[in-house]
Amino acid sequence: MTHQLDASILVHRWDNSNSPRLTIAPGDRVEISMADSSGFQVQPTWTSHDFKSSFDATKVHALTGPIAVDGAEPGDQLVIHIEAFQHQGWAWTSLIPGLGLLPDDFPDHHLFIWKLDRDQTQSFPGVTLDLHPFAGIIGVQREESGEFRTRAPGAFGGNLDVRHLGAGATLHLPVFTAGANLLAGDCHAAQGDGEVCINGMEAPMNGVLKIDLIKNAPIPGPYATTSGSLVPPRYNEKPWHMFIESDENPRVAAQRVVRRAIEFITRRTRCSAEMAYTLCSVVLDLKISQLVNVPTMTITGYLPEAIFD
């Protein structure tokens, strides 16, 4: 059976006392509509000034649900088959003072609006990006009672921002409450591993999820499988730029990597540092290259040459 769930009611906190909006049977599909992470606050006509003066951060994230699964109990395993995501033609990425990987480098608000074609965007001058839509947040209600902000992920899933949880992926989550009570949202049309400026391409989106239940099959935390390429295939048609840094503090190494990528992008495209940082957040992939040479760790940032026109 296929159900529909719209985004007319948005949830901004984890709270296992919330009643489900929808109850389904194991094996059912849900066609789910999701707001952008701002909960429809940000509009395609907004400027950086609008964002600074009107954005209410307490409404982040805006999730759709909860969806209860009949018969789900603690100790079971929810299996979410992600069948499709469809963006609605636009997205946004922001810089917010005090947030992101480089808060001291970028103390001012900044907003960039992306116009999205079906599979690509050419909104950034001199750059063509391939889209890979996914939900940054898919999670079940937490075991603990009370209200909790949605920023921190956990064993329940939540704000994982794993960009490979797109169409074709299957996500397994442990169940902590009767019904499991799944919520989803914070969709991104594209994102680099690291989401360094605080946002990916934040976009309202529709999705199709098929939800199964495995009884008496506890797992300690999220597990997923995916098929196909881990990067857009077009990106492998040209070389990758690799920015490599080592430090005892991996965050410091990552900061140096991103600063070098920003410098490279500003030279290459003659854009502002703010725009280069924005681009890094949606396409630069940060990877741990080594952590065995104690106490030094190595972080590498991968930037595809293929994005440059």
C-alpha atoms as a PDB file:
ATOM      1  CA  MET A   1       0.000   0.000   0.000  1.00  0.00           C
ATOM      2  CA  THR A   2       1.184   3.555  -0.736  1.00  0.00           C
ATOM      3  CA  HIS A   3       0.432   6.459   1.616  1.00  0.00           C
ATOM      4  CA  GLN A   4       0.903  10.228   1.226  1.00  0.00           C
ATOM      5  CA  LEU A   5       2.175  12.566   3.914  1.00  0.00           C
ATOM      6  CA  ASP A   6       2.384  16.308   3.244  1.00  0.00           C
ATOM      7  CA  ALA A   7       4.511  19.011   4.868  1.00  0.00           C
ATOM      8  CA  SER A   8       1.597  21.008   6.266  1.00  0.00           C
ATOM      9  CA  ILE A   9       2.688  20.156   9.825  1.00  0.00           C
ATOM     10  CA  LEU A  10       6.411  20.487  10.611  1.00  0.00           C
ATOM     11  CA  VAL A  11       8.324  19.055  13.571  1.00  0.00           C
ATOM     12  CA  HIS A  12      11.320  20.966  14.946  1.00  0.00           C
ATOM     13  CA  ARG A  13      12.358  18.771  17.904  1.00  0.00           C
ATOM     14  CA  TRP A  14      12.784  15.112  18.756  1.00  0.00           C
ATOM     15  CA  ASP A  15      10.053  14.280  21.276  1.00  0.00           C
ATOM     16  CA  ASN A  16       8.799  10.730  21.721  1.00  0.00           C
ATOM     17  CA  SER A  17       5.539  11.972  23.264  1.00  0.00           C
ATOM     18  CA  ASN A  18       4.401  13.308  19.855  1.00  0.00           C
ATOM     19  CA  SER A  19       1.546  11.335  18.322  1.00  0.00           C
ATOM     20  CA  PRO A  20       2.149   9.886  14.849  1.00  0.00           C
ATOM     21  CA  ARG A  21       0.591  11.650  11.867  1.00  0.00           C
ATOM     22  CA  LEU A  22       0.455   8.381   9.960  1.00  0.00           C
ATOM     23  CA  THR A  23       0.510   4.674  10.847  1.00  0.00           C
ATOM     24  CA  ILE A  24       1.548   2.168   8.200  1.00  0.00           C
ATOM     25  CA  ALA A  25       2.071  -1.573   7.927  1.00  0.00           C
ATOM     26  CA  PRO A  26       5.521  -3.061   7.350  1.00  0.00           C
ATOM     27  CA  GLY A  27       6.182  -3.180   3.613  1.00  0.00           C
ATOM     28  CA  ASP A  28       4.129  -0.066   2.842  1.00  0.00           C
ATOM     29  CA  ARG A  29       5.427   2.924   0.884  1.00  0.00           C
ATOM     30  CA  VAL A  30       5.140   6.563   1.878  1.00  0.00           C
ATOM     31  CA  GLU A  31       5.217   9.427  -0.614  1.00  0.00           C
ATOM     32  CA  ILE A  32       6.528  12.132   1.689  1.00  0.00           C
ATOM     33  CA  SER A  33       6.769  15.879   1.154  1.00  0.00           C
ATOM     34  CA  MET A  34       9.498  17.701   3.067  1.00  0.00           C
ATOM     35  CA  ALA A  35      10.196  21.388   3.619  1.00  0.00           C
ATOM     36  CA  ASP A  36      13.687  22.772   3.261  1.00  0.00           C
ATOM     37  CA  SER A  37      15.572  22.809   6.567  1.00  0.00           C
ATOM     38  CA  SER A  38      14.290  26.320   7.342  1.00  0.00           C
ATOM     39  CA  GLY A  39      10.670  25.192   7.242  1.00  0.00           C
ATOM     40  CA  PHE A  40       9.753  27.279   4.194  1.00  0.00           C
ATOM     41  CA  GLN A  41      11.216  30.458   5.747  1.00  0.00           C
ATOM     42  CA  VAL A  42      13.899  31.024   3.088  1.00  0.00           C
ATOM     43  CA  GLN A  43      12.436  32.015  -0.266  1.00  0.00           C
ATOM     44  CA  PRO A  44      14.023  32.058  -3.751  1.00  0.00           C
ATOM     45  CA  THR A  45      13.786  35.872  -3.736  1.00  0.00           C
ATOM     46  CA  TRP A  46      15.694  36.320  -0.471  1.00  0.00           C
ATOM     47  CA  THR A  47      18.965  38.236  -0.226  1.00  0.00           C
ATOM     48  CA  SER A  48      21.677  38.013   2.415  1.00  0.00           C
ATOM     49  CA  HIS A  49      19.994  40.956   4.148  1.00  0.00           C
ATOM     50  CA  ASP A  50      16.675  39.099   4.251  1.00  0.00           C
ATOM     51  CA  PHE A  51      18.411  36.059   5.687  1.00  0.00           C
ATOM     52  CA  LYS A  52      20.131  38.085   8.404  1.00  0.00           C
ATOM     53  CA  SER A  53      16.979  39.984   9.415  1.00  0.00           C
ATOM     54  CA  SER A  54      14.273  37.325   9.058  1.00  0.00           C
ATOM     55  CA  PHE A  55      15.733  33.846   9.518  1.00  0.00           C
ATOM     56  CA  ASP A  56      14.604  32.093  12.736  1.00  0.00           C
ATOM     57  CA  ALA A  57      17.152  29.406  13.638  1.00  0.00           C
ATOM     58  CA  THR A  58      14.827  27.864  16.253  1.00  0.00           C
ATOM     59  CA  LYS A  59      12.753  26.466  13.386  1.00  0.00           C
ATOM     60  CA  VAL A  60      15.669  24.381  12.101  1.00  0.00           C
ATOM     61  CA  HIS A  61      15.275  21.560  11.282  1.00  0.00           C
ATOM     62  CA  ALA A  62      11.748  21.242   9.858  1.00  0.00           C
ATOM     63  CA  LEU A  63      10.831  17.555   9.646  1.00  0.00           C
ATOM     64  CA  THR A  64       7.840  15.623   8.317  1.00  0.00           C
ATOM     65  CA  GLY A  65       6.320  12.900  10.508  1.00  0.00           C
ATOM     66  CA  PRO A  66       6.203  11.025  12.776  1.00  0.00           C
ATOM     67  CA  ILE A  67       5.335   7.875  10.809  1.00  0.00           C
ATOM     68  CA  ALA A  68       4.494   4.914  13.041  1.00  0.00           C
ATOM     69  CA  VAL A  69       5.064   1.358  11.817  1.00  0.00           C
ATOM     70  CA  ASP A  70       2.514  -1.110  13.108  1.00  0.00           C
ATOM     71  CA  GLY A  71       4.104  -3.689  15.385  1.00  0.00           C
ATOM     72  CA  ALA A  72       7.476  -1.952  15.756  1.00  0.00           C
ATOM     73  CA  GLU A  73       8.916  -2.292  19.268  1.00  0.00           C
ATOM     74  CA  PRO A  74      12.232  -1.595  20.987  1.00  0.00           C
ATOM     75  CA  GLY A  75      14.749  -4.207  19.913  1.00  0.00           C
ATOM     76  CA  ASP A  76      13.398  -4.336  16.354  1.00  0.00           C
ATOM     77  CA  GLN A  77      15.066  -2.956  13.251  1.00  0.00           C
ATOM     78  CA  LEU A  78      13.464  -0.501  10.848  1.00  0.00           C
ATOM     79  CA  VAL A  79      14.556  -0.883   7.220  1.00  0.00           C
ATOM     80  CA  ILE A  80      14.023   2.181   5.009  1.00  0.00           C
ATOM     81  CA  HIS A  81      14.373   1.578   1.269  1.00  0.00           C
ATOM     82  CA  ILE A  82      14.961   4.995  -0.306  1.00  0.00           C
ATOM     83  CA  GLU A  83      13.351   4.838  -3.730  1.00  0.00           C
ATOM     84  CA  ALA A  84      13.288   8.433  -4.969  1.00  0.00           C
ATOM     85  CA  PHE A  85      13.898  12.099  -4.190  1.00  0.00           C
ATOM     86  CA  GLN A  86      12.665  14.989  -6.337  1.00  0.00           C
ATOM     87  CA  HIS A  87      13.696  18.597  -5.758  1.00  0.00           C
ATOM     88  CA  GLN A  88      11.395  21.523  -6.525  1.00  0.00           C
ATOM     89  CA  GLY A  89      13.685  23.621  -8.711  1.00  0.00           C
ATOM     90  CA  TRP A  90      15.682  25.682  -6.209  1.00  0.00           C
ATOM     91  CA  ALA A  91      17.885  25.506  -3.123  1.00  0.00           C
ATOM     92  CA  TRP A  92      19.859  27.760  -0.801  1.00  0.00           C
ATOM     93  CA  THR A  93      23.206  27.732   1.012  1.00  0.00           C
ATOM     94  CA  SER A  94      24.153  30.162   3.779  1.00  0.00           C
ATOM     95  CA  LEU A  95      27.018  31.337   5.945  1.00  0.00           C
ATOM     96  CA  ILE A  96      25.988  32.034   9.548  1.00  0.00           C
ATOM     97  CA  PRO A  97      28.255  33.838  12.051  1.00  0.00           C
ATOM     98  CA  GLY A  98      29.733  31.450  14.600  1.00  0.00           C
ATOM     99  CA  LEU A  99      28.869  28.276  12.671  1.00  0.00           C
ATOM    100  CA  GLY A 100      30.641  26.072  10.158  1.00  0.00           C
ATOM    101  CA  LEU A 101      34.241  24.908   9.953  1.00  0.00           C
ATOM    102  CA  LEU A 102      35.712  28.428   9.526  1.00  0.00           C
ATOM    103  CA  PRO A 103      33.668  30.729  11.788  1.00  0.00           C
ATOM    104  CA  ASP A 104      36.545  33.152  12.387  1.00  0.00           C
ATOM    105  CA  ASP A 105      37.190  33.557   8.656  1.00  0.00           C
ATOM    106  CA  PHE A 106      33.580  34.410   7.803  1.00  0.00           C
ATOM    107  CA  PRO A 107      31.937  36.565  10.489  1.00  0.00           C
ATOM    108  CA  ASP A 108      29.035  37.866   8.345  1.00  0.00           C
ATOM    109  CA  HIS A 109      25.784  36.428   7.047  1.00  0.00           C
ATOM    110  CA  HIS A 110      25.754  35.302   3.421  1.00  0.00           C
ATOM    111  CA  LEU A 111      23.051  33.624   1.329  1.00  0.00           C
ATOM    112  CA  PHE A 112      23.252  32.059  -2.109  1.00  0.00           C
ATOM    113  CA  ILE A 113      20.196  30.852  -4.048  1.00  0.00           C
ATOM    114  CA  TRP A 114      20.655  27.968  -6.486  1.00  0.00           C
ATOM    115  CA  LYS A 115      18.415  27.454  -9.519  1.00  0.00           C
ATOM    116  CA  LEU A 116      18.196  23.712 -10.120  1.00  0.00           C
ATOM    117  CA  ASP A 117      17.674  21.988 -13.433  1.00  0.00           C
ATOM    118  CA  ARG A 118      16.661  18.352 -13.445  1.00  0.00           C
ATOM    119  CA  ASP A 119      20.086  16.862 -12.706  1.00  0.00           C
ATOM    120  CA  GLN A 120      22.475  19.827 -12.609  1.00  0.00           C
ATOM    121  CA  THR A 121      22.880  23.448 -11.628  1.00  0.00           C
ATOM    122  CA  GLN A 122      24.891  26.166 -13.367  1.00  0.00           C
ATOM    123  CA  SER A 123      24.013  28.872 -10.852  1.00  0.00           C
ATOM    124  CA  PHE A 124      27.624  29.310  -9.739  1.00  0.00           C
ATOM    125  CA  PRO A 125      29.465  31.265 -12.465  1.00  0.00           C
ATOM    126  CA  GLY A 126      31.908  29.085 -14.388  1.00  0.00           C
ATOM    127  CA  VAL A 127      30.846  25.882 -12.641  1.00  0.00           C
ATOM    128  CA  THR A 128      28.447  23.026 -13.446  1.00  0.00           C
ATOM    129  CA  LEU A 129      27.485  20.824 -10.508  1.00  0.00           C
ATOM    130  CA  ASP A 130      25.726  17.476 -10.713  1.00  0.00           C
ATOM    131  CA  LEU A 131      22.882  16.958  -8.244  1.00  0.00           C
ATOM    132  CA  HIS A 132      22.549  13.972  -5.906  1.00  0.00           C
ATOM    133  CA  PRO A 133      19.463  14.638  -3.747  1.00  0.00           C
ATOM    134  CA  PHE A 134      19.096  13.034  -0.320  1.00  0.00           C
ATOM    135  CA  ALA A 135      17.581  13.676   3.093  1.00  0.00           C
ATOM    136  CA  GLY A 136      20.090  14.949   5.645  1.00  0.00           C
ATOM    137  CA  ILE A 137      17.820  13.718   8.426  1.00  0.00           C
ATOM    138  CA  ILE A 138      16.119  10.332   8.585  1.00  0.00           C
ATOM    139  CA  GLY A 139      15.569   9.094  12.112  1.00  0.00           C
ATOM    140  CA  VAL A 140      13.299   7.404  14.611  1.00  0.00           C
ATOM    141  CA  GLN A 141      12.199   8.880  17.913  1.00  0.00           C
ATOM    142  CA  ARG A 142      14.799   8.733  20.658  1.00  0.00           C
ATOM    143  CA  GLU A 143      14.508   6.511  23.715  1.00  0.00           C
ATOM    144  CA  GLU A 144      14.832   9.452  26.132  1.00  0.00           C
ATOM    145  CA  SER A 145      11.781  11.470  27.139  1.00  0.00           C
ATOM    146  CA  GLY A 146      11.697  15.223  26.536  1.00  0.00           C
ATOM    147  CA  GLU A 147      12.454  17.644  23.715  1.00  0.00           C
ATOM    148  CA  PHE A 148      15.823  17.593  21.949  1.00  0.00           C
ATOM    149  CA  ARG A 149      17.234  19.842  19.239  1.00  0.00           C
ATOM    150  CA  THR A 150      17.705  18.071  15.934  1.00  0.00           C
ATOM    151  CA  ARG A 151      21.297  19.121  15.193  1.00  0.00           C
ATOM    152  CA  ALA A 152      23.086  16.209  16.893  1.00  0.00           C
ATOM    153  CA  PRO A 153      22.659  12.740  15.335  1.00  0.00           C
ATOM    154  CA  GLY A 154      22.854   9.501  17.293  1.00  0.00           C
ATOM    155  CA  ALA A 155      22.028   5.806  17.374  1.00  0.00           C
ATOM    156  CA  PHE A 156      18.490   6.769  16.342  1.00  0.00           C
ATOM    157  CA  GLY A 157      19.812   8.260  13.068  1.00  0.00           C
ATOM    158  CA  GLY A 158      18.785  11.882  12.698  1.00  0.00           C
ATOM    159  CA  ASN A 159      21.054  14.591  11.313  1.00  0.00           C
ATOM    160  CA  LEU A 160      23.575  12.228   9.747  1.00  0.00           C
ATOM    161  CA  ASP A 161      24.075  14.228   6.516  1.00  0.00           C
ATOM    162  CA  VAL A 162      25.348  11.102   4.758  1.00  0.00           C
ATOM    163  CA  ARG A 163      25.093  12.151   1.135  1.00  0.00           C
ATOM    164  CA  HIS A 164      25.062   8.571  -0.128  1.00  0.00           C
ATOM    165  CA  LEU A 165      21.631   7.999   1.426  1.00  0.00           C
ATOM    166  CA  GLY A 166      19.978   8.894  -1.859  1.00  0.00           C
ATOM    167  CA  ALA A 167      17.737   6.925  -4.198  1.00  0.00           C
ATOM    168  CA  GLY A 168      18.790   3.279  -4.218  1.00  0.00           C
ATOM    169  CA  ALA A 169      20.175   3.258  -0.683  1.00  0.00           C
ATOM    170  CA  THR A 170      18.726   1.241   2.192  1.00  0.00           C
ATOM    171  CA  LEU A 171      19.011   2.524   5.757  1.00  0.00           C
ATOM    172  CA  HIS A 172      18.646   0.316   8.836  1.00  0.00           C
ATOM    173  CA  LEU A 173      17.793   1.962  12.173  1.00  0.00           C
ATOM    174  CA  PRO A 174      17.280   0.511  15.646  1.00  0.00           C
ATOM    175  CA  VAL A 175      13.815   0.989  17.137  1.00  0.00           C
ATOM    176  CA  PHE A 176      13.601   2.692  20.538  1.00  0.00           C
ATOM    177  CA  THR A 177       9.876   3.409  20.972  1.00  0.00           C
ATOM    178  CA  ALA A 178       6.613   1.658  20.135  1.00  0.00           C
ATOM    179  CA  GLY A 179       5.909   2.328  16.458  1.00  0.00           C
ATOM    180  CA  ALA A 180       9.456   3.614  15.833  1.00  0.00           C
ATOM    181  CA  ASN A 181       7.953   6.959  14.683  1.00  0.00           C
ATOM    182  CA  LEU A 182      10.096   7.912  11.713  1.00  0.00           C
ATOM    183  CA  LEU A 183      10.767  11.547  10.738  1.00  0.00           C
ATOM    184  CA  ALA A 184      12.608  12.905   7.699  1.00  0.00           C
ATOM    185  CA  GLY A 185      13.711  16.213   6.199  1.00  0.00           C
ATOM    186  CA  ASP A 186      16.696  18.562   5.867  1.00  0.00           C
ATOM    187  CA  CYS A 187      16.952  17.583   2.202  1.00  0.00           C
ATOM    188  CA  HIS A 188      19.950  18.574   0.108  1.00  0.00           C
ATOM    189  CA  ALA A 189      20.150  18.691  -3.673  1.00  0.00           C
ATOM    190  CA  ALA A 190      23.926  18.277  -3.359  1.00  0.00           C
ATOM    191  CA  GLN A 191      26.521  18.288  -0.574  1.00  0.00           C
ATOM    192  CA  GLY A 192      30.205  17.674  -0.131  1.00  0.00           C
ATOM    193  CA  ASP A 193      31.402  15.300   2.577  1.00  0.00           C
ATOM    194  CA  GLY A 194      31.895  17.672   5.487  1.00  0.00           C
ATOM    195  CA  GLU A 195      29.174  20.237   4.633  1.00  0.00           C
ATOM    196  CA  VAL A 196      31.827  22.701   5.753  1.00  0.00           C
ATOM    197  CA  CYS A 197      30.006  26.059   5.688  1.00  0.00           C
ATOM    198  CA  ILE A 198      27.014  24.629   7.709  1.00  0.00           C
ATOM    199  CA  ASN A 199      24.666  23.963   4.749  1.00  0.00           C
ATOM    200  CA  GLY A 200      24.450  21.834   1.656  1.00  0.00           C
ATOM    201  CA  MET A 201      22.050  22.847  -1.110  1.00  0.00           C
ATOM    202  CA  GLU A 202      19.039  23.141   1.215  1.00  0.00           C
ATOM    203  CA  ALA A 203      15.921  22.272  -0.786  1.00  0.00           C
ATOM    204  CA  PRO A 204      12.256  21.414  -0.341  1.00  0.00           C
ATOM    205  CA  MET A 205      11.795  17.925  -1.715  1.00  0.00           C
ATOM    206  CA  ASN A 206       9.452  15.002  -2.272  1.00  0.00           C
ATOM    207  CA  GLY A 207      10.542  11.455  -1.573  1.00  0.00           C
ATOM    208  CA  VAL A 208       9.375   7.861  -1.738  1.00  0.00           C
ATOM    209  CA  LEU A 209      10.295   5.521   1.126  1.00  0.00           C
ATOM    210  CA  LYS A 210       9.426   1.827   1.440  1.00  0.00           C
ATOM    211  CA  ILE A 211       9.560   0.805   5.080  1.00  0.00           C
ATOM    212  CA  ASP A 212      10.073  -2.741   6.340  1.00  0.00           C
ATOM    213  CA  LEU A 213      10.445  -4.149   9.853  1.00  0.00           C
ATOM    214  CA  ILE A 214      12.720  -6.889  11.157  1.00  0.00           C
ATOM    215  CA  LYS A 215      11.548  -8.209  14.497  1.00  0.00           C
ATOM    216  CA  ASN A 216      13.953  -8.941  17.363  1.00  0.00           C
ATOM    217  CA  ALA A 217      17.012  -7.777  15.435  1.00  0.00           C
ATOM    218  CA  PRO A 218      18.727  -5.072  17.509  1.00  0.00           C
ATOM    219  CA  ILE A 219      21.586  -3.100  16.004  1.00  0.00           C
ATOM    220  CA  PRO A 220      23.748  -0.552  17.862  1.00  0.00           C
ATOM    221  CA  GLY A 221      23.262   2.285  15.374  1.00  0.00           C
ATOM    222  CA  PRO A 222      22.562   3.224  11.763  1.00  0.00           C
ATOM    223  CA  TYR A 223      23.719   0.885   9.015  1.00  0.00           C
ATOM    224  CA  ALA A 224      23.194   1.367   5.296  1.00  0.00           C
ATOM    225  CA  THR A 225      23.884  -0.103   1.894  1.00  0.00           C
ATOM    226  CA  THR A 226      24.056   1.702  -1.426  1.00  0.00           C
ATOM    227  CA  SER A 227      24.730   0.802  -5.028  1.00  0.00           C
ATOM    228  CA  GLY A 228      26.417   2.562  -7.885  1.00  0.00           C
ATOM    229  CA  SER A 229      29.113   5.211  -7.918  1.00  0.00           C
ATOM    230  CA  LEU A 230      29.877   7.114  -4.728  1.00  0.00           C
ATOM    231  CA  VAL A 231      30.443  10.292  -6.763  1.00  0.00           C
ATOM    232  CA  PRO A 232      28.604  11.617  -9.836  1.00  0.00           C
ATOM    233  CA  PRO A 233      30.111   9.604 -12.736  1.00  0.00           C
ATOM    234  CA  ARG A 234      30.864  12.757 -14.760  1.00  0.00           C
ATOM    235  CA  TYR A 235      33.263  13.901 -12.044  1.00  0.00           C
ATOM    236  CA  ASN A 236      35.549  10.933 -12.728  1.00  0.00           C
ATOM    237  CA  GLU A 237      36.020  11.960 -16.360  1.00  0.00           C
ATOM    238  CA  LYS A 238      38.708  14.445 -15.316  1.00  0.00           C
ATOM    239  CA  PRO A 239      41.334  14.553 -12.538  1.00  0.00           C
ATOM    240  CA  TRP A 240      40.665  15.404  -8.915  1.00  0.00           C
ATOM    241  CA  HIS A 241      42.481  18.168  -7.026  1.00  0.00           C
ATOM    242  CA  MET A 242      43.683  16.930  -3.613  1.00  0.00           C
ATOM    243  CA  PHE A 243      44.533  19.300  -0.765  1.00  0.00           C
ATOM    244  CA  ILE A 244      46.410  17.397   1.959  1.00  0.00           C
ATOM    245  CA  GLU A 245      47.087  18.545   5.523  1.00  0.00           C
ATOM    246  CA  SER A 246      48.252  16.813   8.720  1.00  0.00           C
ATOM    247  CA  ASP A 247      47.883  17.834  12.349  1.00  0.00           C
ATOM    248  CA  GLU A 248      47.359  16.386  15.816  1.00  0.00           C
ATOM    249  CA  ASN A 249      43.937  18.075  15.730  1.00  0.00           C
ATOM    250  CA  PRO A 250      41.926  16.782  12.736  1.00  0.00           C
ATOM    251  CA  ARG A 251      39.678  19.839  12.792  1.00  0.00           C
ATOM    252  CA  VAL A 252      42.696  22.111  12.396  1.00  0.00           C
ATOM    253  CA  ALA A 253      43.920  19.982   9.492  1.00  0.00           C
ATOM    254  CA  ALA A 254      40.466  20.170   7.892  1.00  0.00           C
ATOM    255  CA  GLN A 255      40.424  23.947   8.293  1.00  0.00           C
ATOM    256  CA  ARG A 256      43.739  24.257   6.476  1.00  0.00           C
ATOM    257  CA  VAL A 257      42.459  21.989   3.696  1.00  0.00           C
ATOM    258  CA  VAL A 258      39.348  24.105   3.181  1.00  0.00           C
ATOM    259  CA  ARG A 259      41.303  27.379   3.237  1.00  0.00           C
ATOM    260  CA  ARG A 260      43.547  26.032   0.489  1.00  0.00           C
ATOM    261  CA  ALA A 261      40.518  24.912  -1.540  1.00  0.00           C
ATOM    262  CA  ILE A 262      38.939  28.363  -1.129  1.00  0.00           C
ATOM    263  CA  GLU A 263      42.126  30.020  -2.368  1.00  0.00           C
ATOM    264  CA  PHE A 264      42.226  27.658  -5.372  1.00  0.00           C
ATOM    265  CA  ILE A 265      38.586  28.339  -6.270  1.00  0.00           C
ATOM    266  CA  THR A 266      38.883  32.120  -5.928  1.00  0.00           C
ATOM    267  CA  ARG A 267      41.916  32.130  -8.257  1.00  0.00           C
ATOM    268  CA  ARG A 268      40.207  29.795 -10.712  1.00  0.00           C
ATOM    269  CA  THR A 269      36.800  31.496 -10.915  1.00  0.00           C
ATOM    270  CA  ARG A 270      37.568  35.019  -9.596  1.00  0.00           C
ATOM    271  CA  CYS A 271      34.668  34.653  -7.157  1.00  0.00           C
ATOM    272  CA  SER A 272      34.570  35.994  -3.605  1.00  0.00           C
ATOM    273  CA  ALA A 273      35.873  33.971  -0.676  1.00  0.00           C
ATOM    274  CA  GLU A 274      32.297  33.660   0.585  1.00  0.00           C
ATOM    275  CA  MET A 275      31.201  32.096  -2.696  1.00  0.00           C
ATOM    276  CA  ALA A 276      34.227  29.770  -2.749  1.00  0.00           C
ATOM    277  CA  TYR A 277      33.408  28.610   0.791  1.00  0.00           C
ATOM    278  CA  THR A 278      29.810  28.028  -0.333  1.00  0.00           C
ATOM    279  CA  LEU A 279      31.059  25.919  -3.258  1.00  0.00           C
ATOM    280  CA  CYS A 280      33.290  23.886  -0.942  1.00  0.00           C
ATOM    281  CA  SER A 281      30.294  23.012   1.200  1.00  0.00           C
ATOM    282  CA  VAL A 282      28.370  21.475  -1.698  1.00  0.00           C
ATOM    283  CA  VAL A 283      31.133  19.667  -3.612  1.00  0.00           C
ATOM    284  CA  LEU A 284      34.445  19.373  -1.676  1.00  0.00           C
ATOM    285  CA  ASP A 285      34.824  15.932  -0.063  1.00  0.00           C
ATOM    286  CA  LEU A 286      36.860  15.732   3.153  1.00  0.00           C
ATOM    287  CA  LYS A 287      38.348  12.321   3.909  1.00  0.00           C
ATOM    288  CA  ILE A 288      40.446  10.891   6.723  1.00  0.00           C
ATOM    289  CA  SER A 289      43.542   9.648   4.919  1.00  0.00           C
ATOM    290  CA  GLN A 290      45.309   8.255   7.964  1.00  0.00           C
ATOM    291  CA  LEU A 291      44.930   8.165  11.734  1.00  0.00           C
ATOM    292  CA  VAL A 292      47.501   5.509  12.622  1.00  0.00           C
ATOM    293  CA  ASN A 293      50.553   7.784  12.805  1.00  0.00           C
ATOM    294  CA  VAL A 294      49.795   8.876  16.348  1.00  0.00           C
ATOM    295  CA  PRO A 295      49.439  11.673  17.266  1.00  0.00           C
ATOM    296  CA  THR A 296      49.193  13.115  13.730  1.00  0.00           C
ATOM    297  CA  MET A 297      46.154  12.643  11.493  1.00  0.00           C
ATOM    298  CA  THR A 298      45.912  13.449   7.786  1.00  0.00           C
ATOM    299  CA  ILE A 299      42.866  15.001   6.127  1.00  0.00           C
ATOM    300  CA  THR A 300      42.495  15.260   2.352  1.00  0.00           C
ATOM    301  CA  GLY A 301      40.015  17.440   0.477  1.00  0.00           C
ATOM    302  CA  TYR A 302      38.962  16.211  -2.970  1.00  0.00           C
ATOM    303  CA  LEU A 303      37.705  18.711  -5.548  1.00  0.00           C
ATOM    304  CA  PRO A 304      36.673  17.477  -9.027  1.00  0.00           C
ATOM    305  CA  GLU A 305      38.174  19.290 -12.001  1.00  0.00           C
ATOM    306  CA  ALA A 306      35.080  18.313 -13.982  1.00  0.00           C
ATOM    307  CA  ILE A 307      32.924  20.950 -12.268  1.00  0.00           C
ATOM    308  CA  PHE A 308      34.790  23.819 -13.946  1.00  0.00           C
ATOM    309  CA  ASP A 309      33.355  24.933 -17.281  1.00  0.00           C
END
